[in-house]
């Protein structure tokens, strides 16, 4: 059994722009649904994190390219449009799940980091 902290609708065969994210930046760490999420700003400050993916079982890798802070916009289930700033590990979850909506896996970021390191 995998304990995920988020999932994107396309991962379960639903071709909609919907993600489900655990909010570690809120008191009870709730899972919340976000419709049409978009990242509007990435901080230059990066963080090193271990990432895994429910679509790639039994694998975790360290990434250095995730922004520490992001600004996002999304719609709620009640039709409100929200703008919010997200930080720390919760921002990683949003970046990871929104990547899924755009056809990007965390392994694509890992590959780019390896290629960039080899160029140095």
Protein backbone atom coordinates (compact mmCIF):
# COMPACT_ATOMS: atom_id res chain seq x y z
CA UNK A 1 0.00 0.00 0.00
CA UNK A 2 1.32 3.43 -0.97
CA UNK A 3 0.67 6.44 1.18
CA UNK A 4 0.39 9.33 -1.25
CA UNK A 5 0.19 13.02 -0.39
CA UNK A 6 -1.49 14.03 -3.62
CA UNK A 7 -2.86 12.78 -6.91
CA UNK A 8 -3.87 14.31 -10.22
CA UNK A 9 -7.03 13.32 -12.07
CA UNK A 10 -5.16 12.03 -15.17
CA UNK A 11 -3.35 9.48 -12.96
CA UNK A 12 -6.68 7.72 -12.46
CA UNK A 13 -7.89 8.11 -16.04
CA UNK A 14 -9.92 11.30 -15.58
CA UNK A 15 -8.90 13.87 -18.18
CA UNK A 16 -9.75 16.92 -16.10
CA UNK A 17 -7.59 19.61 -14.53
CA UNK A 18 -8.15 18.49 -10.94
CA UNK A 19 -5.67 17.68 -8.17
CA UNK A 20 -6.06 16.40 -4.62
CA UNK A 21 -3.35 17.61 -2.23
CA UNK A 22 -2.54 17.04 1.42
CA UNK A 23 -1.98 20.43 3.07
CA UNK A 24 0.89 20.03 5.51
CA UNK A 25 0.78 23.81 5.97
CA UNK A 26 -2.63 23.59 7.69
CA UNK A 27 -3.27 22.46 11.25
CA UNK A 28 -4.94 19.09 10.65
CA UNK A 29 -3.09 18.28 7.38
CA UNK A 30 -6.33 17.98 5.37
CA UNK A 31 -6.60 16.63 1.83
CA UNK A 32 -8.21 19.25 -0.42
CA UNK A 33 -9.45 19.33 -4.03
CA UNK A 34 -8.29 22.02 -6.49
CA UNK A 35 -9.86 22.69 -9.88
CA UNK A 36 -7.90 24.23 -12.76
CA UNK A 37 -4.79 24.90 -10.64
CA UNK A 38 -2.02 27.00 -12.16
CA UNK A 39 1.32 28.12 -10.79
CA UNK A 40 1.74 31.82 -11.53
CA UNK A 41 5.09 32.40 -9.81
CA UNK A 42 8.04 30.26 -8.75
CA UNK A 43 10.57 31.49 -6.18
CA UNK A 44 14.25 31.47 -7.06
CA UNK A 45 14.91 29.78 -3.72
CA UNK A 46 14.99 26.01 -4.26
CA UNK A 47 14.68 23.10 -1.86
CA UNK A 48 16.11 19.61 -1.84
CA UNK A 49 13.40 16.98 -1.42
CA UNK A 50 12.84 13.25 -1.75
CA UNK A 51 10.03 12.62 -4.20
CA UNK A 52 8.08 9.57 -5.14
CA UNK A 53 5.03 9.05 -7.28
CA UNK A 54 2.02 6.77 -7.10
CA UNK A 55 2.45 6.24 -10.86
CA UNK A 56 6.01 4.94 -10.32
CA UNK A 57 5.79 2.46 -7.41
CA UNK A 58 8.75 1.60 -5.18
CA UNK A 59 10.97 4.46 -6.32
CA UNK A 60 12.04 7.69 -4.63
CA UNK A 61 14.65 10.18 -5.77
CA UNK A 62 16.20 13.41 -4.52
CA UNK A 63 15.42 16.55 -6.50
CA UNK A 64 17.05 19.95 -6.11
CA UNK A 65 14.88 21.93 -8.53
CA UNK A 66 11.60 22.45 -6.66
CA UNK A 67 10.83 26.03 -5.67
CA UNK A 68 10.42 26.73 -1.96
CA UNK A 69 7.57 29.17 -2.58
CA UNK A 70 4.96 29.27 -5.33
CA UNK A 71 1.97 31.47 -6.09
CA UNK A 72 -1.03 29.55 -7.35
CA UNK A 73 -4.52 30.21 -8.66
CA UNK A 74 -7.33 27.68 -8.63
CA UNK A 75 -11.08 27.26 -8.49
CA UNK A 76 -12.93 25.69 -5.59
CA UNK A 77 -15.80 23.21 -5.70
CA UNK A 78 -18.12 26.11 -4.83
CA UNK A 79 -16.99 28.18 -7.83
CA UNK A 80 -14.69 30.64 -6.07
CA UNK A 81 -11.42 31.66 -7.77
CA UNK A 82 -8.58 31.75 -5.24
CA UNK A 83 -5.01 33.10 -5.33
CA UNK A 84 -2.65 31.77 -2.69
CA UNK A 85 1.04 31.56 -1.79
CA UNK A 86 2.27 28.09 -0.79
CA UNK A 87 5.63 27.27 0.83
CA UNK A 88 7.86 24.42 1.89
CA UNK A 89 6.90 20.77 1.34
CA UNK A 90 3.29 21.60 0.47
CA UNK A 91 4.57 23.66 -2.47
CA UNK A 92 6.44 20.56 -3.69
CA UNK A 93 3.20 18.57 -3.67
CA UNK A 94 1.44 21.25 -5.71
CA UNK A 95 4.34 21.45 -8.19
CA UNK A 96 4.38 17.65 -8.54
CA UNK A 97 0.62 17.31 -9.08
CA UNK A 98 0.34 20.27 -11.46
CA UNK A 99 3.22 18.75 -13.44
CA UNK A 100 1.03 15.65 -13.90
CA UNK A 101 -1.67 17.86 -15.43
CA UNK A 102 0.95 19.03 -17.94
CA UNK A 103 2.24 15.53 -18.76
CA UNK A 104 5.44 15.92 -16.72
CA UNK A 105 6.79 13.35 -14.26
CA UNK A 106 9.27 14.13 -11.50
CA UNK A 107 11.71 11.87 -13.38
CA UNK A 108 11.75 14.50 -16.16
CA UNK A 109 13.07 17.04 -13.64
CA UNK A 110 15.60 14.50 -12.36
CA UNK A 111 16.86 13.84 -15.89
CA UNK A 112 17.27 17.59 -16.51
CA UNK A 113 19.22 17.97 -13.25
CA UNK A 114 21.59 15.15 -14.27
CA UNK A 115 22.12 16.64 -17.74
CA UNK A 116 22.71 20.12 -16.29
CA UNK A 117 25.23 18.72 -13.77
CA UNK A 118 27.14 16.95 -16.54
CA UNK A 119 27.47 20.23 -18.46
CA UNK A 120 29.30 21.86 -15.54
